[in-house]
């Protein structure tokens, strides 16, 4: 098993509505063919993070949604809910931008809207968490700062080692690395500091193995997962470098999927940590 525990389909009427919305949005995007490149990967990242944050509001101890809308934000329904919302915004921007002859602004504006929505949701989460004091801000802040530092050092090291790769992937490479570093670091913080049990089997097995190593009393068990995520992110950057040159659209979409696998769970962790008693 590679999927996290706790996945459950929403009631049939919600499932049908989400699947129908997904099909319609996908068909319209396919027909409109908005420009897709590395900048699109960056623009989609806050939307992926938004999905993780929206799901956190569905989980204990927050559980903020009313029963009538709560099924839309469970897992895996939240992925479709976010995609449909993203798709509607993307389609609208494409129609207006093409009509005005400014298709180059689509990705930029898509990213701005995603950042705006994510910022609003994070501010709400912080305000709610502050009701219990400032301690909840410590570990989310630590996780974000460490992820940024590790990302910067990694991208710099790769740039010194293989400069052409980073030059060609100057937008996608930092995005992919940061997404997976934030996931790795936040997961490690959750396991070693806050005491949260990992729901996804593969990370759980990696950290379980790390807990048997002689380094466990000193480094904990999360460091190995961070290291594995770092290697995976770097490998993706190198493996997709040539593909990005050959087929920018397909490669960019694949990079966006890889980014989503990291940034979605990472943001979910960060929001939940705000409400941690540690």
Protein backbone atom coordinates (compact mmCIF):
# COMPACT_ATOMS: atom_id res chain seq x y z
CA UNK A 1 0.00 0.00 0.00
CA UNK A 2 1.27 3.45 -0.91
CA UNK A 3 -1.82 5.55 -0.19
CA UNK A 4 -2.33 7.23 3.18
CA UNK A 5 -4.86 5.84 5.59
CA UNK A 6 -8.13 7.68 6.07
CA UNK A 7 -9.04 7.96 2.38
CA UNK A 8 -12.77 7.65 1.82
CA UNK A 9 -15.06 8.59 -1.04
CA UNK A 10 -17.76 11.17 -0.26
CA UNK A 11 -21.47 10.28 -0.66
CA UNK A 12 -22.53 9.35 -4.18
CA UNK A 13 -24.10 12.70 -5.09
CA UNK A 14 -20.90 14.55 -4.13
CA UNK A 15 -18.74 12.06 -6.01
CA UNK A 16 -20.84 12.38 -9.18
CA UNK A 17 -20.80 16.19 -8.98
CA UNK A 18 -17.03 16.32 -8.48
CA UNK A 19 -16.32 13.86 -11.28
CA UNK A 20 -18.64 15.73 -13.64
CA UNK A 21 -17.03 19.05 -12.75
CA UNK A 22 -13.57 17.57 -13.25
CA UNK A 23 -14.47 16.20 -16.69
CA UNK A 24 -16.01 19.48 -17.84
CA UNK A 25 -13.09 21.57 -16.60
CA UNK A 26 -10.55 19.20 -18.13
CA UNK A 27 -12.35 19.23 -21.48
CA UNK A 28 -12.55 23.02 -21.56
CA UNK A 29 -8.88 23.42 -20.66
CA UNK A 30 -7.95 20.91 -23.33
CA UNK A 31 -10.00 22.83 -25.88
CA UNK A 32 -8.70 26.27 -24.89
CA UNK A 33 -5.05 25.13 -24.66
CA UNK A 34 -3.76 27.81 -22.28
CA UNK A 35 0.02 28.27 -22.50
CA UNK A 36 1.85 25.82 -20.22
CA UNK A 37 5.53 26.03 -19.33
CA UNK A 38 7.77 26.17 -16.28
CA UNK A 39 6.06 29.34 -15.08
CA UNK A 40 2.82 27.37 -14.96
CA UNK A 41 4.40 24.95 -12.49
CA UNK A 42 5.16 27.89 -10.20
CA UNK A 43 1.68 29.36 -10.71
CA UNK A 44 -0.03 26.06 -9.82
CA UNK A 45 2.01 25.54 -6.64
CA UNK A 46 -0.07 27.82 -4.35
CA UNK A 47 -3.20 26.05 -5.59
CA UNK A 48 -1.70 22.69 -4.65
CA UNK A 49 -0.83 24.12 -1.24
CA UNK A 50 -4.37 25.47 -0.98
CA UNK A 51 -5.72 21.94 -1.38
CA UNK A 52 -3.57 20.72 1.50
CA UNK A 53 -4.69 23.62 3.70
CA UNK A 54 -8.36 23.08 2.84
CA UNK A 55 -8.06 19.43 3.84
CA UNK A 56 -6.45 20.42 7.16
CA UNK A 57 -9.58 22.43 8.02
CA UNK A 58 -11.52 19.18 7.57
CA UNK A 59 -9.35 17.24 10.04
CA UNK A 60 -9.28 17.19 13.84
CA UNK A 61 -8.83 19.34 15.84
CA UNK A 62 -10.08 22.04 13.44
CA UNK A 63 -13.10 20.46 11.69
CA UNK A 64 -14.35 23.86 10.54
CA UNK A 65 -16.75 22.90 7.75
CA UNK A 66 -20.51 22.62 8.01
CA UNK A 67 -21.84 19.09 7.35
CA UNK A 68 -23.33 20.09 3.98
CA UNK A 69 -19.94 21.00 2.48
CA UNK A 70 -17.61 18.85 4.61
CA UNK A 71 -17.60 15.89 2.15
CA UNK A 72 -16.00 18.14 -0.48
CA UNK A 73 -12.88 18.58 1.65
CA UNK A 74 -12.12 15.07 2.79
CA UNK A 75 -9.47 12.98 1.07
CA UNK A 76 -9.45 12.33 -1.87
CA UNK A 77 -12.43 14.62 -2.65
CA UNK A 78 -10.46 17.76 -1.75
CA UNK A 79 -8.13 17.17 -4.71
CA UNK A 80 -11.05 17.31 -7.14
CA UNK A 81 -12.65 20.25 -5.32
CA UNK A 82 -9.41 22.21 -5.62
CA UNK A 83 -8.90 21.20 -9.25
CA UNK A 84 -12.42 22.26 -10.27
CA UNK A 85 -11.98 25.63 -8.53
CA UNK A 86 -8.56 26.08 -10.12
CA UNK A 87 -9.95 25.07 -13.50
CA UNK A 88 -12.78 27.60 -13.40
CA UNK A 89 -10.31 30.39 -12.58
CA UNK A 90 -7.85 29.17 -15.23
CA UNK A 91 -10.56 29.01 -17.90
CA UNK A 92 -11.82 32.48 -17.01
CA UNK A 93 -8.33 33.97 -17.15
CA UNK A 94 -7.67 32.24 -20.47
CA UNK A 95 -10.83 33.60 -22.07
CA UNK A 96 -10.19 37.18 -20.91
CA UNK A 97 -6.45 37.13 -21.64
CA UNK A 98 -6.77 35.69 -25.14
CA UNK A 99 -9.54 38.15 -25.97
CA UNK A 100 -7.29 41.02 -24.93
CA UNK A 101 -4.23 39.58 -26.65
CA UNK A 102 -2.24 39.02 -23.44
CA UNK A 103 -2.00 35.25 -23.14
CA UNK A 104 1.43 35.61 -21.54
CA UNK A 105 -0.23 36.91 -18.35
CA UNK A 106 -2.38 33.83 -17.72
CA UNK A 107 0.10 31.89 -15.58
CA UNK A 108 1.14 35.00 -13.67
CA UNK A 109 -2.43 35.95 -12.77
CA UNK A 110 -3.30 32.34 -11.96
CA UNK A 111 -0.43 32.29 -9.50
CA UNK A 112 -1.43 35.62 -7.94
CA UNK A 113 -4.99 34.43 -7.33
CA UNK A 114 -3.73 31.17 -5.83
CA UNK A 115 -1.35 33.05 -3.53
CA UNK A 116 -4.16 35.37 -2.46
CA UNK A 117 -6.54 32.53 -1.58
CA UNK A 118 -3.80 30.58 0.20
CA UNK A 119 -2.76 33.65 2.19
CA UNK A 120 -6.33 34.27 3.35
CA UNK A 121 -6.70 30.65 4.48
CA UNK A 122 -3.36 30.65 6.30
CA UNK A 123 -4.19 33.92 8.06
CA UNK A 124 -7.49 32.43 9.23
CA UNK A 125 -5.64 29.35 10.49
CA UNK A 126 -3.09 31.46 12.37
CA UNK A 127 -5.78 33.64 13.96
CA UNK A 128 -7.67 30.55 15.09
CA UNK A 129 -4.49 28.94 16.44
CA UNK A 130 -3.49 32.08 18.36
CA UNK A 131 -6.49 31.56 20.61
CA UNK A 132 -4.40 28.84 22.25
CA UNK A 133 -1.21 30.92 22.42
CA UNK A 134 1.92 31.57 20.38
CA UNK A 135 3.55 28.16 20.87
CA UNK A 136 1.70 26.69 17.91
CA UNK A 137 3.59 29.02 15.56
CA UNK A 138 7.04 27.75 16.51
CA UNK A 139 7.33 24.43 14.70
CA UNK A 140 5.51 25.42 11.51
CA UNK A 141 7.88 28.39 11.26
CA UNK A 142 10.90 26.17 11.90
CA UNK A 143 9.79 23.71 9.22
CA UNK A 144 9.31 26.45 6.61
CA UNK A 145 12.62 28.16 7.38
CA UNK A 146 14.60 24.90 7.33
CA UNK A 147 12.96 23.89 4.04
CA UNK A 148 13.85 27.25 2.47
CA UNK A 149 17.48 27.00 3.64
CA UNK A 150 17.90 23.41 2.45
CA UNK A 151 16.30 24.29 -0.89
CA UNK A 152 18.60 27.26 -1.41
CA UNK A 153 21.72 25.25 -0.55
CA UNK A 154 20.62 22.34 -2.75
CA UNK A 155 19.81 24.48 -5.79
CA UNK A 156 23.09 26.37 -5.39
CA UNK A 157 25.05 23.11 -5.14
CA UNK A 158 23.33 21.65 -8.22
CA UNK A 159 23.90 24.92 -10.09
CA UNK A 160 27.63 24.75 -9.34
CA UNK A 161 27.74 21.09 -10.35
CA UNK A 162 25.48 21.17 -13.43
CA UNK A 163 24.92 24.82 -14.28
CA UNK A 164 23.06 24.23 -17.61
CA UNK A 165 20.42 22.09 -15.85
CA UNK A 166 19.51 24.79 -13.34
CA UNK A 167 19.62 27.49 -16.01
CA UNK A 168 17.15 25.56 -18.16
CA UNK A 169 14.95 24.63 -15.18
CA UNK A 170 15.37 27.88 -13.27
CA UNK A 171 11.66 28.03 -12.39
CA UNK A 172 10.77 24.37 -12.00
CA UNK A 173 13.86 23.12 -10.15
CA UNK A 174 13.56 25.34 -7.04
CA UNK A 175 9.81 24.74 -6.96
CA UNK A 176 10.11 20.95 -7.01
CA UNK A 177 12.93 20.89 -4.46
CA UNK A 178 11.15 23.25 -2.06
CA UNK A 179 7.87 21.32 -2.28
CA UNK A 180 9.54 18.07 -1.30
CA UNK A 181 11.82 19.62 1.29
CA UNK A 182 8.86 21.21 3.05
CA UNK A 183 7.09 17.85 2.98
CA UNK A 184 10.16 16.03 4.27
CA UNK A 185 11.03 18.53 7.00
CA UNK A 186 7.44 18.95 8.20
CA UNK A 187 6.98 15.17 8.30
CA UNK A 188 10.20 14.83 10.31
CA UNK A 189 9.06 17.54 12.73
CA UNK A 190 5.72 15.82 13.12
CA UNK A 191 7.31 12.45 13.83
CA UNK A 192 10.23 13.50 16.05
CA UNK A 193 8.93 16.58 17.85
CA UNK A 194 5.15 16.66 17.86
CA UNK A 195 4.61 12.90 17.92
CA UNK A 196 2.23 12.63 14.96
CA UNK A 197 1.88 9.18 13.42
CA UNK A 198 2.59 9.15 9.69
CA UNK A 199 -0.47 7.98 7.70
CA UNK A 200 1.32 7.14 4.44
CA UNK A 201 2.97 3.69 4.41
CA UNK A 202 6.20 4.48 2.51
CA UNK A 203 7.33 7.42 4.71
CA UNK A 204 6.26 5.42 7.76
CA UNK A 205 8.45 2.49 6.70
CA UNK A 206 11.41 4.76 5.97
CA UNK A 207 11.17 6.40 9.39
CA UNK A 208 10.58 3.06 11.06
CA UNK A 209 13.85 1.84 9.54
CA UNK A 210 15.64 5.05 10.61
CA UNK A 211 14.44 4.41 14.15
CA UNK A 212 16.45 1.17 14.21
CA UNK A 213 19.73 2.87 13.23
CA UNK A 214 22.41 3.90 15.75
CA UNK A 215 21.71 7.54 14.82
CA UNK A 216 18.16 7.40 16.20
CA UNK A 217 18.98 8.68 19.73
CA UNK A 218 20.79 11.70 18.26
CA UNK A 219 19.03 12.54 14.98
CA UNK A 220 15.64 10.98 15.49
CA UNK A 221 13.94 9.02 12.73
CA UNK A 222 12.72 11.75 10.38
CA UNK A 223 16.12 12.74 8.94
CA UNK A 224 16.24 9.74 6.61
CA UNK A 225 12.90 10.67 5.05
CA UNK A 226 14.17 14.22 4.46
CA UNK A 227 17.27 12.80 2.79
CA UNK A 228 15.22 10.46 0.59
CA UNK A 229 12.91 13.31 -0.45
CA UNK A 230 15.93 15.43 -1.33
CA UNK A 231 17.38 12.70 -3.53
CA UNK A 232 14.03 12.16 -5.24
CA UNK A 233 13.60 15.88 -5.95
CA UNK A 234 17.10 16.17 -7.42
CA UNK A 235 16.58 13.02 -9.50
CA UNK A 236 13.32 14.41 -10.92
CA UNK A 237 15.06 17.63 -11.94
CA UNK A 238 17.77 15.74 -13.82
CA UNK A 239 15.47 13.15 -15.35
CA UNK A 240 13.05 15.74 -16.73
CA UNK A 241 15.66 18.20 -17.94
CA UNK A 242 15.83 16.84 -21.49
CA UNK A 243 12.09 16.11 -21.55
CA UNK A 244 11.41 19.76 -20.77
CA UNK A 245 13.37 20.73 -23.87
CA UNK A 246 11.62 18.16 -26.07
CA UNK A 247 8.03 18.65 -24.87
CA UNK A 248 7.63 21.66 -22.56
CA UNK A 249 3.89 21.17 -22.06
CA UNK A 250 3.91 17.51 -21.01
CA UNK A 251 7.08 17.91 -18.95
CA UNK A 252 5.68 20.96 -17.16
CA UNK A 253 2.46 19.12 -16.33
CA UNK A 254 4.48 16.19 -14.99
CA UNK A 255 6.59 18.57 -12.90
CA UNK A 256 3.39 20.11 -11.56
CA UNK A 257 2.16 16.66 -10.48
CA UNK A 258 5.48 15.93 -8.78
CA UNK A 259 5.30 19.29 -7.01
CA UNK A 260 1.74 18.58 -5.86
CA UNK A 261 2.81 15.30 -4.25
CA UNK A 262 5.14 17.32 -2.02
CA UNK A 263 3.52 20.69 -1.39
CA UNK A 264 -0.02 19.42 -0.72
CA UNK A 265 0.86 17.12 2.21
CA UNK A 266 3.43 19.66 3.42
CA UNK A 267 0.89 22.46 3.71
CA UNK A 268 -1.53 20.08 5.38
CA UNK A 269 1.17 19.35 7.98
CA UNK A 270 1.96 23.02 8.53
CA UNK A 271 -1.66 24.01 9.16
CA UNK A 272 -2.24 21.08 11.54
CA UNK A 273 0.96 21.92 13.44
CA UNK A 274 -0.50 25.35 14.23
CA UNK A 275 -3.00 23.57 16.46
CA UNK A 276 -0.49 21.17 18.01
CA UNK A 277 -0.22 21.27 21.81
CA UNK A 278 3.60 21.13 21.59
